[in-house]
């Protein structure tokens, strides 16, 4: 049986201010929870309708009705876990770094985190306006990849100005990425879904690149930012 204080804490974690106030975030679904349990993340409590056979003090067996009361999903998936938000880590500038300028959609951020994991990008740097990576929808979209990517929220201008790596930015008007030789080490900046890269960030970008349109009518306005990130990461890895 869940207590009122447990329910209040868990449901409050849907909001960013309470996640950072309490230092916890929510993960749902058996597969994702099991993946996070195998990582270095610290479990606070696991609420489940079926035992995971972990330390008894960390696990609370609840009914499906109780799970529905605390779940953020329309159809809860057997378990919900509360993990501690880890302490920030230093940014490693020794490889390819992805920078996000005001990405607002949780699904886009979650997909980009998965893409970083797939393409071996260990560092994801976000503007403070970018959606919180511990948003439940972001966590759901990462499918566990959040444990293998270091995500930092910092002032982008200061970071880009002090970095010694070449800074590439994704623009509608830029050099054709398919005709450009790309380095193994560098920074790739992806802009906001509606407005692209902001003017302040654009001012410190050293090279603009674009994905050319091949359609006959050239009528497509733009690519989804996660789709564009996938194409550009593929090109960077291809060299």
Protein backbone atom coordinates (compact mmCIF):
# COMPACT_ATOMS: atom_id res chain seq x y z
CA UNK A 1 0.00 0.00 0.00
CA UNK A 2 1.35 3.40 -0.96
CA UNK A 3 1.38 6.19 1.58
CA UNK A 4 0.08 9.67 0.78
CA UNK A 5 3.59 11.09 1.12
CA UNK A 6 4.96 8.55 -1.39
CA UNK A 7 2.22 9.37 -3.89
CA UNK A 8 2.75 13.10 -3.43
CA UNK A 9 6.52 12.83 -3.95
CA UNK A 10 6.29 10.64 -7.05
CA UNK A 11 3.56 12.66 -8.78
CA UNK A 12 5.43 15.91 -8.06
CA UNK A 13 8.41 14.61 -10.06
CA UNK A 14 6.49 15.26 -13.27
CA UNK A 15 7.55 18.90 -12.84
CA UNK A 16 11.12 20.08 -13.31
CA UNK A 17 11.22 22.27 -10.20
CA UNK A 18 10.31 19.37 -7.93
CA UNK A 19 12.72 16.97 -9.65
CA UNK A 20 15.57 19.35 -8.91
CA UNK A 21 14.23 20.25 -5.46
CA UNK A 22 14.12 16.60 -4.38
CA UNK A 23 16.99 15.38 -6.60
CA UNK A 24 14.97 12.50 -8.06
CA UNK A 25 13.49 11.47 -11.42
CA UNK A 26 11.03 8.80 -12.54
CA UNK A 27 11.61 5.86 -14.88
CA UNK A 28 8.80 3.62 -16.13
CA UNK A 29 8.73 0.26 -17.85
CA UNK A 30 10.42 -3.02 -16.95
CA UNK A 31 13.02 -2.99 -19.74
CA UNK A 32 14.24 0.58 -19.13
CA UNK A 33 14.26 0.15 -15.35
CA UNK A 34 16.35 -3.04 -15.61
CA UNK A 35 18.84 -1.23 -17.82
CA UNK A 36 19.17 1.65 -15.37
CA UNK A 37 19.55 -0.78 -12.46
CA UNK A 38 22.67 -2.11 -14.18
CA UNK A 39 24.15 1.39 -14.48
CA UNK A 40 25.88 3.61 -11.92
CA UNK A 41 22.65 5.48 -11.17
CA UNK A 42 21.45 5.26 -7.58
CA UNK A 43 18.00 3.75 -7.04
CA UNK A 44 15.79 5.47 -4.47
CA UNK A 45 12.81 3.12 -4.65
CA UNK A 46 11.22 0.64 -7.06
CA UNK A 47 7.43 0.30 -7.13
CA UNK A 48 6.34 -2.80 -9.02
CA UNK A 49 3.50 -5.27 -9.45
CA UNK A 50 6.04 -8.10 -9.93
CA UNK A 51 9.25 -8.52 -7.93
CA UNK A 52 12.59 -7.71 -9.61
CA UNK A 53 14.33 -9.83 -6.94
CA UNK A 54 16.51 -6.96 -5.78
CA UNK A 55 17.27 -5.77 -2.24
CA UNK A 56 13.97 -5.92 -0.35
CA UNK A 57 14.41 -2.45 1.19
CA UNK A 58 14.61 -0.91 -2.31
CA UNK A 59 11.51 -2.63 -3.67
CA UNK A 60 7.84 -2.03 -2.91
CA UNK A 61 5.27 -4.48 -4.30
CA UNK A 62 2.10 -2.60 -5.21
CA UNK A 63 -1.21 -3.31 -6.93
CA UNK A 64 -2.01 -2.33 -10.51
CA UNK A 65 -4.44 0.23 -9.10
CA UNK A 66 -1.67 1.85 -7.05
CA UNK A 67 0.61 1.84 -10.09
CA UNK A 68 -2.03 3.72 -12.07
CA UNK A 69 -2.18 6.33 -9.31
CA UNK A 70 1.51 7.17 -9.60
CA UNK A 71 2.21 6.45 -13.27
CA UNK A 72 2.64 9.22 -15.86
CA UNK A 73 1.64 6.81 -18.65
CA UNK A 74 -1.85 6.21 -20.01
CA UNK A 75 -1.13 2.48 -19.82
CA UNK A 76 1.34 1.77 -16.96
CA UNK A 77 3.96 -0.91 -17.64
CA UNK A 78 4.21 -3.05 -14.47
CA UNK A 79 6.81 -0.90 -12.70
CA UNK A 80 7.90 2.61 -11.81
CA UNK A 81 11.28 3.49 -10.31
CA UNK A 82 12.59 6.63 -8.66
CA UNK A 83 16.30 7.28 -9.23
CA UNK A 84 18.61 9.91 -7.81
CA UNK A 85 19.71 12.63 -10.24
CA UNK A 86 23.51 12.21 -10.55
CA UNK A 87 26.00 14.98 -9.84
CA UNK A 88 27.19 16.90 -12.95
CA UNK A 89 30.41 15.66 -14.54
CA UNK A 90 33.09 17.69 -16.35
CA UNK A 91 32.73 17.92 -20.13
CA UNK A 92 35.24 15.84 -22.08
CA UNK A 93 36.34 17.84 -25.14
CA UNK A 94 38.50 15.08 -26.60
CA UNK A 95 36.00 13.85 -29.20
CA UNK A 96 32.81 14.78 -30.99
CA UNK A 97 30.44 16.94 -28.90
CA UNK A 98 26.79 17.67 -29.68
CA UNK A 99 25.41 21.04 -28.57
CA UNK A 100 21.66 21.72 -28.40
CA UNK A 101 20.41 25.30 -28.63
CA UNK A 102 16.93 25.48 -27.04
CA UNK A 103 15.51 22.08 -28.01
CA UNK A 104 12.02 22.08 -26.49
CA UNK A 105 10.37 18.81 -27.48
CA UNK A 106 10.99 15.92 -25.02
CA UNK A 107 10.74 13.32 -27.79
CA UNK A 108 13.38 15.09 -29.84
CA UNK A 109 15.78 15.31 -26.90
CA UNK A 110 15.23 11.67 -25.97
CA UNK A 111 15.87 10.58 -29.55
CA UNK A 112 19.03 12.72 -29.78
CA UNK A 113 20.33 11.13 -26.57
CA UNK A 114 19.78 7.69 -28.16
CA UNK A 115 21.56 8.87 -31.30
CA UNK A 116 24.53 10.03 -29.25
CA UNK A 117 24.67 6.60 -27.65
CA UNK A 118 24.40 4.85 -31.05
CA UNK A 119 27.13 6.95 -32.68
CA UNK A 120 29.46 6.85 -29.68
CA UNK A 121 29.09 10.53 -28.75
CA UNK A 122 29.73 10.74 -25.02
CA UNK A 123 29.09 14.46 -24.52
CA UNK A 124 25.78 16.26 -25.03
CA UNK A 125 25.83 19.95 -24.07
CA UNK A 126 22.49 21.75 -23.71
CA UNK A 127 21.48 25.37 -23.32
CA UNK A 128 19.62 26.16 -20.12
CA UNK A 129 16.48 26.68 -22.25
CA UNK A 130 16.59 23.09 -23.54
CA UNK A 131 14.01 20.70 -22.09
CA UNK A 132 15.13 18.89 -18.92
CA UNK A 133 16.72 15.52 -19.72
CA UNK A 134 14.99 14.05 -16.63
CA UNK A 135 11.55 14.91 -17.96
CA UNK A 136 9.58 11.60 -17.90
CA UNK A 137 8.90 11.80 -21.65
CA UNK A 138 12.60 12.31 -22.37
CA UNK A 139 13.56 9.36 -20.17
CA UNK A 140 10.98 7.19 -21.94
CA UNK A 141 12.35 8.17 -25.36
CA UNK A 142 15.99 7.46 -24.43
CA UNK A 143 15.27 3.75 -23.82
CA UNK A 144 18.12 3.60 -21.30
CA UNK A 145 20.69 5.53 -23.35
CA UNK A 146 20.71 8.33 -20.79
CA UNK A 147 23.03 6.19 -18.66
CA UNK A 148 25.75 6.25 -21.34
CA UNK A 149 25.74 9.94 -22.36
CA UNK A 150 27.06 12.79 -20.20
CA UNK A 151 24.49 15.61 -20.41
CA UNK A 152 25.41 19.11 -19.29
CA UNK A 153 23.31 22.29 -19.02
CA UNK A 154 25.49 25.37 -19.31
CA UNK A 155 25.86 28.77 -20.96
CA UNK A 156 26.53 27.90 -24.59
CA UNK A 157 28.29 31.11 -25.58
CA UNK A 158 30.95 30.75 -22.88
CA UNK A 159 31.45 27.07 -23.70
CA UNK A 160 31.79 27.61 -27.44
CA UNK A 161 34.08 30.62 -27.09
CA UNK A 162 36.51 28.78 -24.82
CA UNK A 163 36.55 25.49 -26.73
CA UNK A 164 39.53 24.73 -28.98
CA UNK A 165 37.46 22.43 -31.20
CA UNK A 166 36.03 23.56 -34.56
CA UNK A 167 32.37 24.56 -34.17
CA UNK A 168 29.93 23.36 -36.85
CA UNK A 169 26.34 24.55 -36.99
CA UNK A 170 23.36 23.04 -38.80
CA UNK A 171 21.67 25.61 -41.05
CA UNK A 172 19.30 25.59 -44.02
CA UNK A 173 21.88 27.64 -45.90
CA UNK A 174 25.33 26.18 -45.39
CA UNK A 175 27.95 24.02 -47.07
CA UNK A 176 26.64 20.72 -48.42
CA UNK A 177 27.56 18.19 -45.72
CA UNK A 178 27.81 15.37 -48.29
CA UNK A 179 30.64 17.20 -50.08
CA UNK A 180 32.55 18.23 -46.97
CA UNK A 181 35.37 16.39 -45.24
CA UNK A 182 34.50 16.34 -41.56
CA UNK A 183 36.88 15.89 -38.62
CA UNK A 184 36.64 13.17 -36.00
CA UNK A 185 36.80 15.80 -33.26
CA UNK A 186 34.57 18.85 -33.19
CA UNK A 187 31.37 20.45 -31.94
CA UNK A 188 28.05 20.13 -33.79
CA UNK A 189 25.37 22.68 -32.86
CA UNK A 190 21.71 21.85 -33.50
CA UNK A 191 19.11 24.59 -33.21
CA UNK A 192 15.58 25.04 -31.91
CA UNK A 193 12.75 23.20 -33.69
CA UNK A 194 11.02 26.39 -34.85
CA UNK A 195 13.76 29.02 -35.00
CA UNK A 196 16.98 27.12 -35.62
CA UNK A 197 20.28 28.28 -34.11
CA UNK A 198 19.94 31.55 -32.19
CA UNK A 199 21.76 34.67 -33.43
CA UNK A 200 24.09 34.80 -30.39
CA UNK A 201 25.17 31.19 -30.87
CA UNK A 202 25.43 31.62 -34.65
CA UNK A 203 27.99 34.39 -34.07
CA UNK A 204 30.49 31.94 -32.53
CA UNK A 205 30.01 29.12 -35.06
CA UNK A 206 33.02 28.71 -37.35
CA UNK A 207 31.48 26.52 -40.08
CA UNK A 208 27.90 26.26 -41.32
CA UNK A 209 26.77 22.97 -42.82
CA UNK A 210 23.46 21.87 -44.31
CA UNK A 211 21.65 18.77 -45.55
CA UNK A 212 20.63 19.41 -49.17
CA UNK A 213 17.10 18.79 -50.38
CA UNK A 214 16.74 16.37 -53.30
CA UNK A 215 12.99 16.68 -53.89
CA UNK A 216 11.94 18.04 -57.30
CA UNK A 217 9.69 20.74 -55.87
CA UNK A 218 12.06 21.73 -53.03
CA UNK A 219 8.92 22.41 -50.98
CA UNK A 220 9.84 20.79 -47.66
CA UNK A 221 10.45 23.56 -45.14
CA UNK A 222 12.93 21.71 -42.90
CA UNK A 223 13.85 18.39 -41.33
CA UNK A 224 12.92 17.36 -37.81
CA UNK A 225 15.90 18.21 -35.57
CA UNK A 226 16.38 14.62 -34.42
CA UNK A 227 16.30 13.36 -38.02
CA UNK A 228 18.81 16.03 -39.04
CA UNK A 229 21.04 15.08 -36.11
CA UNK A 230 21.02 11.44 -37.22
CA UNK A 231 22.09 12.35 -40.76
CA UNK A 232 24.84 14.72 -39.63
CA UNK A 233 26.20 12.30 -37.04
CA UNK A 234 26.35 9.62 -39.70
CA UNK A 235 28.39 11.96 -41.91
CA UNK A 236 30.75 12.90 -39.08
CA UNK A 237 31.38 9.24 -38.32
CA UNK A 238 31.84 8.45 -42.00
CA UNK A 239 34.45 11.22 -42.13
